[in-house]
Amino acid sequence: TLDPAHCANPTFIPGDLTRDVPVQAQNDA
């Protein structure tokens, strides 16, 4: 169960665990 790819953490970017910045903080688009 210790798998970040299947972890429903609200800071993760679904499908992309290569970036460490929380999803809500993204503003680089």
mmCIF file of all heavy atoms, coordinates in Angstrom:
data_MODEL
# 
_entry.id   MODEL 
# 
loop_
_atom_site.group_PDB 
_atom_site.id 
_atom_site.type_symbol 
_atom_site.label_atom_id 
_atom_site.label_alt_id 
_atom_site.label_comp_id 
_atom_site.label_asym_id 
_atom_site.label_entity_id 
_atom_site.label_seq_id 
_atom_site.pdbx_PDB_ins_code 
_atom_site.Cartn_x 
_atom_site.Cartn_y 
_atom_site.Cartn_z 
_atom_site.occupancy 
_atom_site.B_iso_or_equiv 
_atom_site.pdbx_formal_charge 
_atom_site.auth_seq_id 
_atom_site.auth_comp_id 
_atom_site.auth_asym_id 
_atom_site.auth_atom_id 
_atom_site.pdbx_PDB_model_num 
ATOM 1   N N   . THR A 1 1  ? 0.819  -1.219 0.000   1.00 0.00 ? 1  THR A N   1 
ATOM 2   C CA  . THR A 1 1  ? 0.000  0.000  0.000   1.00 0.00 ? 1  THR A CA  1 
ATOM 3   C C   . THR A 1 1  ? 0.848  1.263  0.000   1.00 0.00 ? 1  THR A C   1 
ATOM 4   O O   . THR A 1 1  ? 0.317  2.368  -0.209  1.00 0.00 ? 1  THR A O   1 
ATOM 5   C CB  . THR A 1 1  ? -0.926 0.029  1.226   1.00 0.00 ? 1  THR A CB  1 
ATOM 6   O OG1 . THR A 1 1  ? -0.129 -0.079 2.419   1.00 0.00 ? 1  THR A OG1 1 
ATOM 7   C CG2 . THR A 1 1  ? -1.926 -1.111 1.179   1.00 0.00 ? 1  THR A CG2 1 
ATOM 8   N N   . LEU A 1 2  ? 2.136  1.131  0.235   1.00 0.00 ? 2  LEU A N   1 
ATOM 9   C CA  . LEU A 1 2  ? 3.017  2.300  0.304   1.00 0.00 ? 2  LEU A CA  1 
ATOM 10  C C   . LEU A 1 2  ? 3.456  2.695  -1.104  1.00 0.00 ? 2  LEU A C   1 
ATOM 11  O O   . LEU A 1 2  ? 4.622  2.601  -1.469  1.00 0.00 ? 2  LEU A O   1 
ATOM 12  C CB  . LEU A 1 2  ? 4.223  1.997  1.195   1.00 0.00 ? 2  LEU A CB  1 
ATOM 13  C CG  . LEU A 1 2  ? 3.903  1.498  2.602   1.00 0.00 ? 2  LEU A CG  1 
ATOM 14  C CD1 . LEU A 1 2  ? 5.180  1.245  3.378   1.00 0.00 ? 2  LEU A CD1 1 
ATOM 15  C CD2 . LEU A 1 2  ? 3.005  2.490  3.338   1.00 0.00 ? 2  LEU A CD2 1 
ATOM 16  N N   . ASP A 1 3  ? 2.510  3.153  -1.882  1.00 0.00 ? 3  ASP A N   1 
ATOM 17  C CA  . ASP A 1 3  ? 2.744  3.482  -3.278  1.00 0.00 ? 3  ASP A CA  1 
ATOM 18  C C   . ASP A 1 3  ? 2.180  4.871  -3.576  1.00 0.00 ? 3  ASP A C   1 
ATOM 19  O O   . ASP A 1 3  ? 0.960  5.049  -3.627  1.00 0.00 ? 3  ASP A O   1 
ATOM 20  C CB  . ASP A 1 3  ? 2.084  2.438  -4.178  1.00 0.00 ? 3  ASP A CB  1 
ATOM 21  C CG  . ASP A 1 3  ? 2.332  2.695  -5.651  1.00 0.00 ? 3  ASP A CG  1 
ATOM 22  O OD1 . ASP A 1 3  ? 3.024  3.666  -5.993  1.00 0.00 ? 3  ASP A OD1 1 
ATOM 23  O OD2 . ASP A 1 3  ? 1.814  1.915  -6.479  1.00 0.00 ? 3  ASP A OD2 1 
ATOM 24  N N   . PRO A 1 4  ? 3.027  5.895  -3.766  1.00 0.00 ? 4  PRO A N   1 
ATOM 25  C CA  . PRO A 1 4  ? 2.514  7.243  -4.045  1.00 0.00 ? 4  PRO A CA  1 
ATOM 26  C C   . PRO A 1 4  ? 1.604  7.317  -5.265  1.00 0.00 ? 4  PRO A C   1 
ATOM 27  O O   . PRO A 1 4  ? 0.725  8.178  -5.333  1.00 0.00 ? 4  PRO A O   1 
ATOM 28  C CB  . PRO A 1 4  ? 3.794  8.062  -4.256  1.00 0.00 ? 4  PRO A CB  1 
ATOM 29  C CG  . PRO A 1 4  ? 4.840  7.324  -3.483  1.00 0.00 ? 4  PRO A CG  1 
ATOM 30  C CD  . PRO A 1 4  ? 4.488  5.875  -3.645  1.00 0.00 ? 4  PRO A CD  1 
ATOM 31  N N   . ALA A 1 5  ? 1.802  6.404  -6.223  1.00 0.00 ? 5  ALA A N   1 
ATOM 32  C CA  . ALA A 1 5  ? 0.986  6.434  -7.429  1.00 0.00 ? 5  ALA A CA  1 
ATOM 33  C C   . ALA A 1 5  ? -0.480 6.124  -7.145  1.00 0.00 ? 5  ALA A C   1 
ATOM 34  O O   . ALA A 1 5  ? -1.357 6.454  -7.942  1.00 0.00 ? 5  ALA A O   1 
ATOM 35  C CB  . ALA A 1 5  ? 1.533  5.452  -8.456  1.00 0.00 ? 5  ALA A CB  1 
ATOM 36  N N   . HIS A 1 6  ? -0.763 5.476  -6.020  1.00 0.00 ? 6  HIS A N   1 
ATOM 37  C CA  . HIS A 1 6  ? -2.136 5.147  -5.641  1.00 0.00 ? 6  HIS A CA  1 
ATOM 38  C C   . HIS A 1 6  ? -2.503 5.806  -4.316  1.00 0.00 ? 6  HIS A C   1 
ATOM 39  O O   . HIS A 1 6  ? -3.257 5.250  -3.517  1.00 0.00 ? 6  HIS A O   1 
ATOM 40  C CB  . HIS A 1 6  ? -2.307 3.630  -5.542  1.00 0.00 ? 6  HIS A CB  1 
ATOM 41  C CG  . HIS A 1 6  ? -2.065 2.915  -6.836  1.00 0.00 ? 6  HIS A CG  1 
ATOM 42  N ND1 . HIS A 1 6  ? -0.837 2.380  -7.161  1.00 0.00 ? 6  HIS A ND1 1 
ATOM 43  C CD2 . HIS A 1 6  ? -2.875 2.691  -7.911  1.00 0.00 ? 6  HIS A CD2 1 
ATOM 44  C CE1 . HIS A 1 6  ? -0.905 1.826  -8.368  1.00 0.00 ? 6  HIS A CE1 1 
ATOM 45  N NE2 . HIS A 1 6  ? -2.124 2.012  -8.844  1.00 0.00 ? 6  HIS A NE2 1 
ATOM 46  N N   . CYS A 1 7  ? -1.966 6.985  -4.119  1.00 0.00 ? 7  CYS A N   1 
ATOM 47  C CA  . CYS A 1 7  ? -2.156 7.723  -2.872  1.00 0.00 ? 7  CYS A CA  1 
ATOM 48  C C   . CYS A 1 7  ? -3.012 8.950  -3.146  1.00 0.00 ? 7  CYS A C   1 
ATOM 49  O O   . CYS A 1 7  ? -2.633 9.823  -3.926  1.00 0.00 ? 7  CYS A O   1 
ATOM 50  C CB  . CYS A 1 7  ? -0.789 8.142  -2.318  1.00 0.00 ? 7  CYS A CB  1 
ATOM 51  S SG  . CYS A 1 7  ? -0.824 9.047  -0.767  1.00 0.00 ? 7  CYS A SG  1 
ATOM 52  N N   . ALA A 1 8  ? -4.181 9.029  -2.516  1.00 0.00 ? 8  ALA A N   1 
ATOM 53  C CA  . ALA A 1 8  ? -5.119 10.135 -2.748  1.00 0.00 ? 8  ALA A CA  1 
ATOM 54  C C   . ALA A 1 8  ? -4.791 11.329 -1.865  1.00 0.00 ? 8  ALA A C   1 
ATOM 55  O O   . ALA A 1 8  ? -5.630 11.844 -1.131  1.00 0.00 ? 8  ALA A O   1 
ATOM 56  C CB  . ALA A 1 8  ? -6.548 9.666  -2.501  1.00 0.00 ? 8  ALA A CB  1 
ATOM 57  N N   . ASN A 1 9  ? -3.550 11.763 -1.926  1.00 0.00 ? 9  ASN A N   1 
ATOM 58  C CA  . ASN A 1 9  ? -3.112 12.933 -1.171  1.00 0.00 ? 9  ASN A CA  1 
ATOM 59  C C   . ASN A 1 9  ? -3.495 14.192 -1.950  1.00 0.00 ? 9  ASN A C   1 
ATOM 60  O O   . ASN A 1 9  ? -3.259 14.271 -3.152  1.00 0.00 ? 9  ASN A O   1 
ATOM 61  C CB  . ASN A 1 9  ? -1.599 12.865 -0.976  1.00 0.00 ? 9  ASN A CB  1 
ATOM 62  C CG  . ASN A 1 9  ? -1.037 14.020 -0.175  1.00 0.00 ? 9  ASN A CG  1 
ATOM 63  O OD1 . ASN A 1 9  ? -1.116 15.171 -0.590  1.00 0.00 ? 9  ASN A OD1 1 
ATOM 64  N ND2 . ASN A 1 9  ? -0.443 13.724 0.962   1.00 0.00 ? 9  ASN A ND2 1 
ATOM 65  N N   . PRO A 1 10 ? -4.097 15.194 -1.299  1.00 0.00 ? 10 PRO A N   1 
ATOM 66  C CA  . PRO A 1 10 ? -4.604 16.355 -2.036  1.00 0.00 ? 10 PRO A CA  1 
ATOM 67  C C   . PRO A 1 10 ? -3.539 17.238 -2.650  1.00 0.00 ? 10 PRO A C   1 
ATOM 68  O O   . PRO A 1 10 ? -3.858 18.105 -3.468  1.00 0.00 ? 10 PRO A O   1 
ATOM 69  C CB  . PRO A 1 10 ? -5.391 17.132 -0.964  1.00 0.00 ? 10 PRO A CB  1 
ATOM 70  C CG  . PRO A 1 10 ? -4.784 16.711 0.333   1.00 0.00 ? 10 PRO A CG  1 
ATOM 71  C CD  . PRO A 1 10 ? -4.401 15.277 0.142   1.00 0.00 ? 10 PRO A CD  1 
ATOM 72  N N   . THR A 1 11 ? -2.258 17.050 -2.295  1.00 0.00 ? 11 THR A N   1 
ATOM 73  C CA  . THR A 1 11 ? -1.216 17.879 -2.899  1.00 0.00 ? 11 THR A CA  1 
ATOM 74  C C   . THR A 1 11 ? -0.609 17.243 -4.142  1.00 0.00 ? 11 THR A C   1 
ATOM 75  O O   . THR A 1 11 ? 0.173  17.883 -4.843  1.00 0.00 ? 11 THR A O   1 
ATOM 76  C CB  . THR A 1 11 ? -0.072 18.164 -1.907  1.00 0.00 ? 11 THR A CB  1 
ATOM 77  O OG1 . THR A 1 11 ? 0.690  16.978 -1.706  1.00 0.00 ? 11 THR A OG1 1 
ATOM 78  C CG2 . THR A 1 11 ? -0.605 18.671 -0.582  1.00 0.00 ? 11 THR A CG2 1 
ATOM 79  N N   . PHE A 1 12 ? -0.938 15.979 -4.415  1.00 0.00 ? 12 PHE A N   1 
ATOM 80  C CA  . PHE A 1 12 ? -0.319 15.290 -5.550  1.00 0.00 ? 12 PHE A CA  1 
ATOM 81  C C   . PHE A 1 12 ? -0.946 15.715 -6.873  1.00 0.00 ? 12 PHE A C   1 
ATOM 82  O O   . PHE A 1 12 ? -2.124 16.065 -6.934  1.00 0.00 ? 12 PHE A O   1 
ATOM 83  C CB  . PHE A 1 12 ? -0.462 13.774 -5.410  1.00 0.00 ? 12 PHE A CB  1 
ATOM 84  C CG  . PHE A 1 12 ? 0.378  13.170 -4.311  1.00 0.00 ? 12 PHE A CG  1 
ATOM 85  C CD1 . PHE A 1 12 ? 1.041  13.969 -3.385  1.00 0.00 ? 12 PHE A CD1 1 
ATOM 86  C CD2 . PHE A 1 12 ? 0.489  11.800 -4.195  1.00 0.00 ? 12 PHE A CD2 1 
ATOM 87  C CE1 . PHE A 1 12 ? 1.794  13.417 -2.374  1.00 0.00 ? 12 PHE A CE1 1 
ATOM 88  C CE2 . PHE A 1 12 ? 1.254  11.228 -3.186  1.00 0.00 ? 12 PHE A CE2 1 
ATOM 89  C CZ  . PHE A 1 12 ? 1.903  12.039 -2.271  1.00 0.00 ? 12 PHE A CZ  1 
ATOM 90  N N   . ILE A 1 13 ? -0.169 15.657 -7.920  1.00 0.00 ? 13 ILE A N   1 
ATOM 91  C CA  . ILE A 1 13 ? -0.661 15.900 -9.262  1.00 0.00 ? 13 ILE A CA  1 
ATOM 92  C C   . ILE A 1 13 ? -1.029 14.545 -9.858  1.00 0.00 ? 13 ILE A C   1 
ATOM 93  O O   . ILE A 1 13 ? -0.146 13.716 -10.092 1.00 0.00 ? 13 ILE A O   1 
ATOM 94  C CB  . ILE A 1 13 ? 0.405  16.579 -10.138 1.00 0.00 ? 13 ILE A CB  1 
ATOM 95  C CG1 . ILE A 1 13 ? 0.810  17.926 -9.517  1.00 0.00 ? 13 ILE A CG1 1 
ATOM 96  C CG2 . ILE A 1 13 ? -0.105 16.773 -11.561 1.00 0.00 ? 13 ILE A CG2 1 
ATOM 97  C CD1 . ILE A 1 13 ? 1.974  18.574 -10.212 1.00 0.00 ? 13 ILE A CD1 1 
ATOM 98  N N   . PRO A 1 14 ? -2.318 14.273 -10.062 1.00 0.00 ? 14 PRO A N   1 
ATOM 99  C CA  . PRO A 1 14 ? -2.723 12.953 -10.560 1.00 0.00 ? 14 PRO A CA  1 
ATOM 100 C C   . PRO A 1 14 ? -1.995 12.576 -11.838 1.00 0.00 ? 14 PRO A C   1 
ATOM 101 O O   . PRO A 1 14 ? -1.938 13.349 -12.794 1.00 0.00 ? 14 PRO A O   1 
ATOM 102 C CB  . PRO A 1 14 ? -4.228 13.125 -10.817 1.00 0.00 ? 14 PRO A CB  1 
ATOM 103 C CG  . PRO A 1 14 ? -4.636 14.224 -9.895  1.00 0.00 ? 14 PRO A CG  1 
ATOM 104 C CD  . PRO A 1 14 ? -3.465 15.171 -9.852  1.00 0.00 ? 14 PRO A CD  1 
ATOM 105 N N   . GLY A 1 15 ? -1.398 11.407 -11.825 1.00 0.00 ? 15 GLY A N   1 
ATOM 106 C CA  . GLY A 1 15 ? -0.715 10.902 -13.008 1.00 0.00 ? 15 GLY A CA  1 
ATOM 107 C C   . GLY A 1 15 ? 0.668  11.470 -13.231 1.00 0.00 ? 15 GLY A C   1 
ATOM 108 O O   . GLY A 1 15 ? 1.332  11.122 -14.206 1.00 0.00 ? 15 GLY A O   1 
ATOM 109 N N   . ASP A 1 16 ? 1.132  12.376 -12.356 1.00 0.00 ? 16 ASP A N   1 
ATOM 110 C CA  . ASP A 1 16 ? 2.449  12.978 -12.543 1.00 0.00 ? 16 ASP A CA  1 
ATOM 111 C C   . ASP A 1 16 ? 3.108  13.156 -11.180 1.00 0.00 ? 16 ASP A C   1 
ATOM 112 O O   . ASP A 1 16 ? 2.884  14.138 -10.485 1.00 0.00 ? 16 ASP A O   1 
ATOM 113 C CB  . ASP A 1 16 ? 2.321  14.332 -13.256 1.00 0.00 ? 16 ASP A CB  1 
ATOM 114 C CG  . ASP A 1 16 ? 3.688  14.976 -13.520 1.00 0.00 ? 16 ASP A CG  1 
ATOM 115 O OD1 . ASP A 1 16 ? 4.712  14.339 -13.202 1.00 0.00 ? 16 ASP A OD1 1 
ATOM 116 O OD2 . ASP A 1 16 ? 3.715  16.096 -14.044 1.00 0.00 ? 16 ASP A OD2 1 
ATOM 117 N N   . LEU A 1 17 ? 3.937  12.198 -10.799 1.00 0.00 ? 17 LEU A N   1 
ATOM 118 C CA  . LEU A 1 17 ? 4.637  12.270 -9.531  1.00 0.00 ? 17 LEU A CA  1 
ATOM 119 C C   . LEU A 1 17 ? 6.087  12.683 -9.724  1.00 0.00 ? 17 LEU A C   1 
ATOM 120 O O   . LEU A 1 17 ? 6.951  12.403 -8.889  1.00 0.00 ? 17 LEU A O   1 
ATOM 121 C CB  . LEU A 1 17 ? 4.562  10.919 -8.817  1.00 0.00 ? 17 LEU A CB  1 
ATOM 122 C CG  . LEU A 1 17 ? 3.156  10.477 -8.396  1.00 0.00 ? 17 LEU A CG  1 
ATOM 123 C CD1 . LEU A 1 17 ? 3.215  9.144  -7.666  1.00 0.00 ? 17 LEU A CD1 1 
ATOM 124 C CD2 . LEU A 1 17 ? 2.481  11.530 -7.530  1.00 0.00 ? 17 LEU A CD2 1 
ATOM 125 N N   . THR A 1 18 ? 6.367  13.376 -10.820 1.00 0.00 ? 18 THR A N   1 
ATOM 126 C CA  . THR A 1 18 ? 7.727  13.861 -11.070 1.00 0.00 ? 18 THR A CA  1 
ATOM 127 C C   . THR A 1 18 ? 7.914  15.277 -10.544 1.00 0.00 ? 18 THR A C   1 
ATOM 128 O O   . THR A 1 18 ? 9.031  15.779 -10.506 1.00 0.00 ? 18 THR A O   1 
ATOM 129 C CB  . THR A 1 18 ? 8.038  13.854 -12.575 1.00 0.00 ? 18 THR A CB  1 
ATOM 130 O OG1 . THR A 1 18 ? 7.152  14.764 -13.256 1.00 0.00 ? 18 THR A OG1 1 
ATOM 131 C CG2 . THR A 1 18 ? 7.858  12.460 -13.157 1.00 0.00 ? 18 THR A CG2 1 
ATOM 132 N N   . ARG A 1 19 ? 6.825  15.930 -10.150 1.00 0.00 ? 19 ARG A N   1 
ATOM 133 C CA  . ARG A 1 19 ? 6.900  17.301 -9.683  1.00 0.00 ? 19 ARG A CA  1 
ATOM 134 C C   . ARG A 1 19 ? 6.525  17.344 -8.208  1.00 0.00 ? 19 ARG A C   1 
ATOM 135 O O   . ARG A 1 19 ? 5.544  16.746 -7.782  1.00 0.00 ? 19 ARG A O   1 
ATOM 136 C CB  . ARG A 1 19 ? 5.962  18.193 -10.495 1.00 0.00 ? 19 ARG A CB  1 
ATOM 137 C CG  . ARG A 1 19 ? 6.253  18.141 -11.985 1.00 0.00 ? 19 ARG A CG  1 
ATOM 138 C CD  . ARG A 1 19 ? 5.150  18.765 -12.805 1.00 0.00 ? 19 ARG A CD  1 
ATOM 139 N NE  . ARG A 1 19 ? 5.135  20.218 -12.652 1.00 0.00 ? 19 ARG A NE  1 
ATOM 140 C CZ  . ARG A 1 19 ? 4.235  20.998 -13.236 1.00 0.00 ? 19 ARG A CZ  1 
ATOM 141 N NH1 . ARG A 1 19 ? 3.298  20.476 -14.010 1.00 0.00 ? 19 ARG A NH1 1 
ATOM 142 N NH2 . ARG A 1 19 ? 4.271  22.289 -13.063 1.00 0.00 ? 19 ARG A NH2 1 
ATOM 143 N N   . ASP A 1 20 ? 7.323  18.077 -7.436  1.00 0.00 ? 20 ASP A N   1 
ATOM 144 C CA  . ASP A 1 20 ? 7.099  18.059 -5.994  1.00 0.00 ? 20 ASP A CA  1 
ATOM 145 C C   . ASP A 1 20 ? 6.273  19.230 -5.489  1.00 0.00 ? 20 ASP A C   1 
ATOM 146 O O   . ASP A 1 20 ? 6.037  19.355 -4.298  1.00 0.00 ? 20 ASP A O   1 
ATOM 147 C CB  . ASP A 1 20 ? 8.439  18.021 -5.245  1.00 0.00 ? 20 ASP A CB  1 
ATOM 148 C CG  . ASP A 1 20 ? 9.307  19.243 -5.530  1.00 0.00 ? 20 ASP A CG  1 
ATOM 149 O OD1 . ASP A 1 20 ? 8.884  20.103 -6.329  1.00 0.00 ? 20 ASP A OD1 1 
ATOM 150 O OD2 . ASP A 1 20 ? 10.406 19.336 -4.962  1.00 0.00 ? 20 ASP A OD2 1 
ATOM 151 N N   . VAL A 1 21 ? 5.827  20.116 -6.379  1.00 0.00 ? 21 VAL A N   1 
ATOM 152 C CA  . VAL A 1 21 ? 5.027  21.256 -5.947  1.00 0.00 ? 21 VAL A CA  1 
ATOM 153 C C   . VAL A 1 21 ? 3.564  20.850 -5.872  1.00 0.00 ? 21 VAL A C   1 
ATOM 154 O O   . VAL A 1 21 ? 3.038  20.251 -6.801  1.00 0.00 ? 21 VAL A O   1 
ATOM 155 C CB  . VAL A 1 21 ? 5.191  22.439 -6.921  1.00 0.00 ? 21 VAL A CB  1 
ATOM 156 C CG1 . VAL A 1 21 ? 4.326  23.611 -6.494  1.00 0.00 ? 21 VAL A CG1 1 
ATOM 157 C CG2 . VAL A 1 21 ? 6.654  22.867 -6.988  1.00 0.00 ? 21 VAL A CG2 1 
ATOM 158 N N   . PRO A 1 22 ? 2.880  21.141 -4.756  1.00 0.00 ? 22 PRO A N   1 
ATOM 159 C CA  . PRO A 1 22 ? 1.474  20.764 -4.636  1.00 0.00 ? 22 PRO A CA  1 
ATOM 160 C C   . PRO A 1 22 ? 0.638  21.270 -5.798  1.00 0.00 ? 22 PRO A C   1 
ATOM 161 O O   . PRO A 1 22 ? 0.852  22.374 -6.302  1.00 0.00 ? 22 PRO A O   1 
ATOM 162 C CB  . PRO A 1 22 ? 1.047  21.429 -3.322  1.00 0.00 ? 22 PRO A CB  1 
ATOM 163 C CG  . PRO A 1 22 ? 2.308  21.540 -2.538  1.00 0.00 ? 22 PRO A CG  1 
ATOM 164 C CD  . PRO A 1 22 ? 3.383  21.800 -3.545  1.00 0.00 ? 22 PRO A CD  1 
ATOM 165 N N   . VAL A 1 23 ? -0.323 20.477 -6.221  1.00 0.00 ? 23 VAL A N   1 
ATOM 166 C CA  . VAL A 1 23 ? -1.107 20.804 -7.403  1.00 0.00 ? 23 VAL A CA  1 
ATOM 167 C C   . VAL A 1 23 ? -1.788 22.156 -7.272  1.00 0.00 ? 23 VAL A C   1 
ATOM 168 O O   . VAL A 1 23 ? -1.870 22.921 -8.226  1.00 0.00 ? 23 VAL A O   1 
ATOM 169 C CB  . VAL A 1 23 ? -2.138 19.687 -7.689  1.00 0.00 ? 23 VAL A CB  1 
ATOM 170 C CG1 . VAL A 1 23 ? -3.094 19.511 -6.534  1.00 0.00 ? 23 VAL A CG1 1 
ATOM 171 C CG2 . VAL A 1 23 ? -2.912 19.981 -8.952  1.00 0.00 ? 23 VAL A CG2 1 
ATOM 172 N N   . GLN A 1 24 ? -2.267 22.509 -6.081  1.00 0.00 ? 24 GLN A N   1 
ATOM 173 C CA  . GLN A 1 24 ? -2.982 23.777 -5.929  1.00 0.00 ? 24 GLN A CA  1 
ATOM 174 C C   . GLN A 1 24 ? -2.057 24.970 -6.080  1.00 0.00 ? 24 GLN A C   1 
ATOM 175 O O   . GLN A 1 24 ? -2.508 26.086 -6.261  1.00 0.00 ? 24 GLN A O   1 
ATOM 176 C CB  . GLN A 1 24 ? -3.667 23.854 -4.556  1.00 0.00 ? 24 GLN A CB  1 
ATOM 177 C CG  . GLN A 1 24 ? -4.633 22.718 -4.289  1.00 0.00 ? 24 GLN A CG  1 
ATOM 178 C CD  . GLN A 1 24 ? -3.974 21.635 -3.457  1.00 0.00 ? 24 GLN A CD  1 
ATOM 179 O OE1 . GLN A 1 24 ? -2.808 21.325 -3.663  1.00 0.00 ? 24 GLN A OE1 1 
ATOM 180 N NE2 . GLN A 1 24 ? -4.708 21.053 -2.540  1.00 0.00 ? 24 GLN A NE2 1 
ATOM 181 N N   . ALA A 1 25 ? -0.745 24.762 -5.992  1.00 0.00 ? 25 ALA A N   1 
ATOM 182 C CA  . ALA A 1 25 ? 0.189  25.877 -6.039  1.00 0.00 ? 25 ALA A CA  1 
ATOM 183 C C   . ALA A 1 25 ? 0.722  26.146 -7.433  1.00 0.00 ? 25 ALA A C   1 
ATOM 184 O O   . ALA A 1 25 ? 1.460  27.085 -7.636  1.00 0.00 ? 25 ALA A O   1 
ATOM 185 C CB  . ALA A 1 25 ? 1.360  25.602 -5.099  1.00 0.00 ? 25 ALA A CB  1 
ATOM 186 N N   . GLN A 1 26 ? 0.351  25.328 -8.390  1.00 0.00 ? 26 GLN A N   1 
ATOM 187 C CA  . GLN A 1 26 ? 0.881  25.503 -9.734  1.00 0.00 ? 26 GLN A CA  1 
ATOM 188 C C   . GLN A 1 26 ? 0.401  26.809 -10.354 1.00 0.00 ? 26 GLN A C   1 
ATOM 189 O O   . GLN A 1 26 ? -0.783 27.112 -10.357 1.00 0.00 ? 26 GLN A O   1 
ATOM 190 C CB  . GLN A 1 26 ? 0.462  24.331 -10.636 1.00 0.00 ? 26 GLN A CB  1 
ATOM 191 C CG  . GLN A 1 26 ? 1.049  22.999 -10.222 1.00 0.00 ? 26 GLN A CG  1 
ATOM 192 C CD  . GLN A 1 26 ? 2.560  22.986 -10.308 1.00 0.00 ? 26 GLN A CD  1 
ATOM 193 O OE1 . GLN A 1 26 ? 3.130  23.613 -11.179 1.00 0.00 ? 26 GLN A OE1 1 
ATOM 194 N NE2 . GLN A 1 26 ? 3.207  22.296 -9.404  1.00 0.00 ? 26 GLN A NE2 1 
ATOM 195 N N   . ASN A 1 27 ? 1.316  27.593 -10.880 1.00 0.00 ? 27 ASN A N   1 
ATOM 196 C CA  . ASN A 1 27 ? 0.930  28.795 -11.611 1.00 0.00 ? 27 ASN A CA  1 
ATOM 197 C C   . ASN A 1 27 ? 1.896  29.062 -12.752 1.00 0.00 ? 27 ASN A C   1 
ATOM 198 O O   . ASN A 1 27 ? 2.126  30.190 -13.147 1.00 0.00 ? 27 ASN A O   1 
ATOM 199 C CB  . ASN A 1 27 ? 0.854  30.019 -10.687 1.00 0.00 ? 27 ASN A CB  1 
ATOM 200 C CG  . ASN A 1 27 ? 2.216  30.431 -10.154 1.00 0.00 ? 27 ASN A CG  1 
ATOM 201 O OD1 . ASN A 1 27 ? 3.197  29.726 -10.334 1.00 0.00 ? 27 ASN A OD1 1 
ATOM 202 N ND2 . ASN A 1 27 ? 2.270  31.570 -9.498  1.00 0.00 ? 27 ASN A ND2 1 
ATOM 203 N N   . ASP A 1 28 ? 2.472  27.979 -13.288 1.00 0.00 ? 28 ASP A N   1 
ATOM 204 C CA  . ASP A 1 28 ? 3.478  28.158 -14.323 1.00 0.00 ? 28 ASP A CA  1 
ATOM 205 C C   . ASP A 1 28 ? 2.928  27.924 -15.724 1.00 0.00 ? 28 ASP A C   1 
ATOM 206 O O   . ASP A 1 28 ? 3.681  27.932 -16.691 1.00 0.00 ? 28 ASP A O   1 
ATOM 207 C CB  . ASP A 1 28 ? 4.663  27.219 -14.072 1.00 0.00 ? 28 ASP A CB  1 
ATOM 208 C CG  . ASP A 1 28 ? 4.236  25.761 -13.963 1.00 0.00 ? 28 ASP A CG  1 
ATOM 209 O OD1 . ASP A 1 28 ? 3.031  25.489 -14.042 1.00 0.00 ? 28 ASP A OD1 1 
ATOM 210 O OD2 . ASP A 1 28 ? 5.110  24.905 -13.793 1.00 0.00 ? 28 ASP A OD2 1 
ATOM 211 N N   . ALA A 1 29 ? 1.617  27.698 -15.842 1.00 0.00 ? 29 ALA A N   1 
ATOM 212 C CA  . ALA A 1 29 ? 1.029  27.567 -17.176 1.00 0.00 ? 29 ALA A CA  1 
ATOM 213 C C   . ALA A 1 29 ? 0.866  28.949 -17.798 1.00 0.00 ? 29 ALA A C   1 
ATOM 214 O O   . ALA A 1 29 ? 0.723  29.953 -17.103 1.00 0.00 ? 29 ALA A O   1 
ATOM 215 C CB  . ALA A 1 29 ? -0.318 26.861 -17.090 1.00 0.00 ? 29 ALA A CB  1 
# 
